[in-house]
């Protein structure tokens, strides 16, 4: 098990923004830039300044962000970095969602041993497809020893 100190829940700004719209708070693409700018804050001062701008221009969106629990450490870059986690400049959890989509519901809802087995099977299938595609395109681009092994395995 991983200790709680090495994991935390991060909010996806794409979904946060869509939730703001779902609350019938009128926001446009320019407002989206302002809201994402708050999430991009790399210092406490930049965060406070961005929040003041947001409060003045979009008070309901400001309040929605303030009410997110447990607080801004789940969606503001400088706060996430202070907790010791890297953001790499991303504001969304698209990579996680893409991985979850690729893994599928069955794998994600399995016990750890079954999930690992299913994951390895998926990787093997993907690798074998890619290998077959590469060999069919340029069979002679592999060195002779590897080419012989590949041909035997097909």
C-alpha atoms as a PDB file:
ATOM      1  CA  UNK A   1       0.000   0.000   0.000  1.00  0.00           C
ATOM      2  CA  UNK A   2       1.126   3.501  -0.715  1.00  0.00           C
ATOM      3  CA  UNK A   3       1.148   5.851   2.298  1.00  0.00           C
ATOM      4  CA  UNK A   4      -1.335   8.696   2.066  1.00  0.00           C
ATOM      5  CA  UNK A   5       1.524  11.176   1.842  1.00  0.00           C
ATOM      6  CA  UNK A   6       2.360  10.025  -1.702  1.00  0.00           C
ATOM      7  CA  UNK A   7      -1.127  10.369  -3.229  1.00  0.00           C
ATOM      8  CA  UNK A   8      -3.700  13.108  -3.456  1.00  0.00           C
ATOM      9  CA  UNK A   9      -6.772  13.957  -5.505  1.00  0.00           C
ATOM     10  CA  UNK A  10      -6.215  16.469  -8.254  1.00  0.00           C
ATOM     11  CA  UNK A  11      -9.074  18.247  -9.959  1.00  0.00           C
ATOM     12  CA  UNK A  12      -9.208  18.428 -13.746  1.00  0.00           C
ATOM     13  CA  UNK A  13      -9.736  22.061 -14.779  1.00  0.00           C
ATOM     14  CA  UNK A  14     -11.582  20.939 -17.909  1.00  0.00           C
ATOM     15  CA  UNK A  15     -14.189  19.319 -15.682  1.00  0.00           C
ATOM     16  CA  UNK A  16     -14.141  22.173 -13.157  1.00  0.00           C
ATOM     17  CA  UNK A  17     -14.869  24.627 -15.971  1.00  0.00           C
ATOM     18  CA  UNK A  18     -17.677  22.418 -17.302  1.00  0.00           C
ATOM     19  CA  UNK A  19     -19.100  22.168 -13.776  1.00  0.00           C
ATOM     20  CA  UNK A  20     -19.137  25.965 -13.585  1.00  0.00           C
ATOM     21  CA  UNK A  21     -21.179  26.009 -16.800  1.00  0.00           C
ATOM     22  CA  UNK A  22     -23.436  23.240 -15.454  1.00  0.00           C
ATOM     23  CA  UNK A  23     -24.221  25.510 -12.482  1.00  0.00           C
ATOM     24  CA  UNK A  24     -25.647  27.962 -15.062  1.00  0.00           C
ATOM     25  CA  UNK A  25     -22.823  30.416 -14.484  1.00  0.00           C
ATOM     26  CA  UNK A  26     -22.408  32.350 -17.729  1.00  0.00           C
ATOM     27  CA  UNK A  27     -18.809  32.021 -18.906  1.00  0.00           C
ATOM     28  CA  UNK A  28     -17.252  32.380 -22.347  1.00  0.00           C
ATOM     29  CA  UNK A  29     -13.893  31.420 -23.831  1.00  0.00           C
ATOM     30  CA  UNK A  30     -12.230  34.592 -22.525  1.00  0.00           C
ATOM     31  CA  UNK A  31     -13.537  33.753 -19.052  1.00  0.00           C
ATOM     32  CA  UNK A  32     -12.123  30.260 -19.478  1.00  0.00           C
ATOM     33  CA  UNK A  33      -8.695  31.815 -20.041  1.00  0.00           C
ATOM     34  CA  UNK A  34      -9.089  33.801 -16.807  1.00  0.00           C
ATOM     35  CA  UNK A  35     -10.160  30.722 -14.829  1.00  0.00           C
ATOM     36  CA  UNK A  36      -7.334  28.612 -16.260  1.00  0.00           C
ATOM     37  CA  UNK A  37      -4.978  31.485 -15.416  1.00  0.00           C
ATOM     38  CA  UNK A  38      -5.895  31.097 -11.748  1.00  0.00           C
ATOM     39  CA  UNK A  39      -5.091  27.374 -11.945  1.00  0.00           C
ATOM     40  CA  UNK A  40      -1.761  28.207 -13.637  1.00  0.00           C
ATOM     41  CA  UNK A  41      -0.603  30.477 -10.785  1.00  0.00           C
ATOM     42  CA  UNK A  42       2.992  29.626  -9.909  1.00  0.00           C
ATOM     43  CA  UNK A  43       3.162  31.699  -6.732  1.00  0.00           C
ATOM     44  CA  UNK A  44       0.928  32.777  -3.865  1.00  0.00           C
ATOM     45  CA  UNK A  45       0.983  36.384  -5.104  1.00  0.00           C
ATOM     46  CA  UNK A  46       0.020  35.377  -8.657  1.00  0.00           C
ATOM     47  CA  UNK A  47      -2.802  33.236  -7.249  1.00  0.00           C
ATOM     48  CA  UNK A  48      -4.164  36.059  -5.063  1.00  0.00           C
ATOM     49  CA  UNK A  49      -3.976  38.524  -7.952  1.00  0.00           C
ATOM     50  CA  UNK A  50      -5.751  36.137 -10.335  1.00  0.00           C
ATOM     51  CA  UNK A  51      -8.447  35.403  -7.758  1.00  0.00           C
ATOM     52  CA  UNK A  52      -9.065  39.138  -7.202  1.00  0.00           C
ATOM     53  CA  UNK A  53      -9.496  39.604 -10.967  1.00  0.00           C
ATOM     54  CA  UNK A  54     -11.841  36.638 -11.086  1.00  0.00           C
ATOM     55  CA  UNK A  55     -13.853  37.902  -8.095  1.00  0.00           C
ATOM     56  CA  UNK A  56     -14.295  41.307  -9.739  1.00  0.00           C
ATOM     57  CA  UNK A  57     -15.306  39.938 -13.156  1.00  0.00           C
ATOM     58  CA  UNK A  58     -16.976  36.586 -12.418  1.00  0.00           C
ATOM     59  CA  UNK A  59     -18.112  36.531  -8.782  1.00  0.00           C
ATOM     60  CA  UNK A  60     -20.172  33.337  -9.123  1.00  0.00           C
ATOM     61  CA  UNK A  61     -17.306  31.444 -10.790  1.00  0.00           C
ATOM     62  CA  UNK A  62     -14.983  32.802  -8.094  1.00  0.00           C
ATOM     63  CA  UNK A  63     -17.297  31.494  -5.379  1.00  0.00           C
ATOM     64  CA  UNK A  64     -17.540  28.099  -7.076  1.00  0.00           C
ATOM     65  CA  UNK A  65     -13.742  27.781  -7.045  1.00  0.00           C
ATOM     66  CA  UNK A  66     -13.502  28.939  -3.428  1.00  0.00           C
ATOM     67  CA  UNK A  67     -16.074  26.306  -2.405  1.00  0.00           C
ATOM     68  CA  UNK A  68     -14.156  23.377  -3.949  1.00  0.00           C
ATOM     69  CA  UNK A  69     -13.098  21.099  -1.112  1.00  0.00           C
ATOM     70  CA  UNK A  70     -10.529  20.418   0.253  1.00  0.00           C
ATOM     71  CA  UNK A  71      -9.336  23.686  -1.296  1.00  0.00           C
ATOM     72  CA  UNK A  72      -7.072  25.159  -3.929  1.00  0.00           C
ATOM     73  CA  UNK A  73      -4.355  22.544  -3.286  1.00  0.00           C
ATOM     74  CA  UNK A  74      -6.346  20.280  -5.590  1.00  0.00           C
ATOM     75  CA  UNK A  75      -6.319  22.551  -8.625  1.00  0.00           C
ATOM     76  CA  UNK A  76      -3.798  25.434  -8.324  1.00  0.00           C
ATOM     77  CA  UNK A  77      -0.310  24.770  -9.662  1.00  0.00           C
ATOM     78  CA  UNK A  78       1.725  26.507  -6.953  1.00  0.00           C
ATOM     79  CA  UNK A  79      -0.225  24.768  -4.169  1.00  0.00           C
ATOM     80  CA  UNK A  80       0.192  21.351  -5.811  1.00  0.00           C
ATOM     81  CA  UNK A  81       3.931  22.015  -6.177  1.00  0.00           C
ATOM     82  CA  UNK A  82       4.156  23.064  -2.507  1.00  0.00           C
ATOM     83  CA  UNK A  83       2.741  19.656  -1.567  1.00  0.00           C
ATOM     84  CA  UNK A  84       5.638  18.088  -3.459  1.00  0.00           C
ATOM     85  CA  UNK A  85       3.806  16.957  -6.577  1.00  0.00           C
ATOM     86  CA  UNK A  86       4.815  17.946 -10.103  1.00  0.00           C
ATOM     87  CA  UNK A  87       2.185  19.339 -12.466  1.00  0.00           C
ATOM     88  CA  UNK A  88       4.385  19.605 -15.566  1.00  0.00           C
ATOM     89  CA  UNK A  89       2.214  22.587 -16.501  1.00  0.00           C
ATOM     90  CA  UNK A  90      -0.904  20.501 -17.095  1.00  0.00           C
ATOM     91  CA  UNK A  91      -4.315  21.566 -15.891  1.00  0.00           C
ATOM     92  CA  UNK A  92      -6.296  18.512 -16.889  1.00  0.00           C
ATOM     93  CA  UNK A  93      -6.253  14.854 -16.055  1.00  0.00           C
ATOM     94  CA  UNK A  94      -6.524  13.821 -19.705  1.00  0.00           C
ATOM     95  CA  UNK A  95      -3.604  11.399 -19.461  1.00  0.00           C
ATOM     96  CA  UNK A  96      -5.306   9.566 -16.611  1.00  0.00           C
ATOM     97  CA  UNK A  97      -8.598   9.507 -18.458  1.00  0.00           C
ATOM     98  CA  UNK A  98      -6.943   8.277 -21.638  1.00  0.00           C
ATOM     99  CA  UNK A  99      -5.215   5.503 -19.709  1.00  0.00           C
ATOM    100  CA  UNK A 100      -8.454   4.535 -17.980  1.00  0.00           C
ATOM    101  CA  UNK A 101     -10.201   4.383 -21.343  1.00  0.00           C
ATOM    102  CA  UNK A 102      -7.473   2.156 -22.785  1.00  0.00           C
ATOM    103  CA  UNK A 103      -7.515  -0.132 -19.751  1.00  0.00           C
ATOM    104  CA  UNK A 104     -11.289  -0.571 -19.837  1.00  0.00           C
ATOM    105  CA  UNK A 105     -13.854  -1.017 -17.085  1.00  0.00           C
ATOM    106  CA  UNK A 106     -13.137  -4.708 -16.469  1.00  0.00           C
ATOM    107  CA  UNK A 107      -9.457  -4.135 -15.785  1.00  0.00           C
ATOM    108  CA  UNK A 108     -10.025  -1.046 -13.634  1.00  0.00           C
ATOM    109  CA  UNK A 109     -12.578  -2.846 -11.455  1.00  0.00           C
ATOM    110  CA  UNK A 110     -10.528  -6.031 -10.964  1.00  0.00           C
ATOM    111  CA  UNK A 111      -8.491  -7.104  -7.978  1.00  0.00           C
ATOM    112  CA  UNK A 112      -4.789  -6.122  -8.265  1.00  0.00           C
ATOM    113  CA  UNK A 113      -3.474  -9.522  -9.419  1.00  0.00           C
ATOM    114  CA  UNK A 114      -6.141  -9.912 -12.121  1.00  0.00           C
ATOM    115  CA  UNK A 115      -5.676  -6.299 -13.180  1.00  0.00           C
ATOM    116  CA  UNK A 116      -1.922  -6.820 -13.567  1.00  0.00           C
ATOM    117  CA  UNK A 117      -2.486  -9.998 -15.611  1.00  0.00           C
ATOM    118  CA  UNK A 118      -5.032  -8.285 -17.879  1.00  0.00           C
ATOM    119  CA  UNK A 119      -2.744  -5.280 -18.278  1.00  0.00           C
ATOM    120  CA  UNK A 120       0.166  -7.489 -19.351  1.00  0.00           C
ATOM    121  CA  UNK A 121      -2.093  -9.309 -21.846  1.00  0.00           C
ATOM    122  CA  UNK A 122      -3.159  -5.978 -23.348  1.00  0.00           C
ATOM    123  CA  UNK A 123       0.469  -4.880 -23.628  1.00  0.00           C
ATOM    124  CA  UNK A 124       1.476  -8.143 -25.304  1.00  0.00           C
ATOM    125  CA  UNK A 125      -1.336  -7.848 -27.854  1.00  0.00           C
ATOM    126  CA  UNK A 126      -0.386  -4.260 -28.594  1.00  0.00           C
ATOM    127  CA  UNK A 127       3.308  -5.163 -28.908  1.00  0.00           C
ATOM    128  CA  UNK A 128       2.583  -8.119 -31.215  1.00  0.00           C
ATOM    129  CA  UNK A 129       0.404  -5.963 -33.497  1.00  0.00           C
ATOM    130  CA  UNK A 130       3.119  -3.323 -33.710  1.00  0.00           C
ATOM    131  CA  UNK A 131       5.823  -5.913 -34.333  1.00  0.00           C
ATOM    132  CA  UNK A 132       3.827  -7.558 -37.137  1.00  0.00           C
ATOM    133  CA  UNK A 133       3.215  -4.162 -38.729  1.00  0.00           C
ATOM    134  CA  UNK A 134       6.910  -3.248 -38.607  1.00  0.00           C
ATOM    135  CA  UNK A 135       8.057  -6.590 -39.999  1.00  0.00           C
ATOM    136  CA  UNK A 136       5.568  -6.442 -42.877  1.00  0.00           C
ATOM    137  CA  UNK A 137       6.722  -2.946 -43.878  1.00  0.00           C
ATOM    138  CA  UNK A 138      10.486  -3.521 -43.848  1.00  0.00           C
ATOM    139  CA  UNK A 139      11.456  -7.082 -43.028  1.00  0.00           C
ATOM    140  CA  UNK A 140      15.153  -6.461 -43.697  1.00  0.00           C
ATOM    141  CA  UNK A 141      15.650  -3.492 -41.446  1.00  0.00           C
ATOM    142  CA  UNK A 142      16.346  -5.806 -38.482  1.00  0.00           C
ATOM    143  CA  UNK A 143      19.771  -7.312 -37.940  1.00  0.00           C
ATOM    144  CA  UNK A 144      20.004 -10.937 -39.096  1.00  0.00           C
ATOM    145  CA  UNK A 145      19.978 -12.505 -35.613  1.00  0.00           C
ATOM    146  CA  UNK A 146      16.889 -10.553 -34.556  1.00  0.00           C
ATOM    147  CA  UNK A 147      15.204 -11.058 -37.931  1.00  0.00           C
ATOM    148  CA  UNK A 148      15.523 -14.841 -37.541  1.00  0.00           C
ATOM    149  CA  UNK A 149      13.982 -14.698 -34.063  1.00  0.00           C
ATOM    150  CA  UNK A 150      11.110 -12.546 -35.302  1.00  0.00           C
ATOM    151  CA  UNK A 151      10.415 -14.850 -38.233  1.00  0.00           C
ATOM    152  CA  UNK A 152      10.380 -17.890 -35.930  1.00  0.00           C
ATOM    153  CA  UNK A 153       7.931 -16.205 -33.566  1.00  0.00           C
ATOM    154  CA  UNK A 154       5.419 -15.198 -36.258  1.00  0.00           C
END
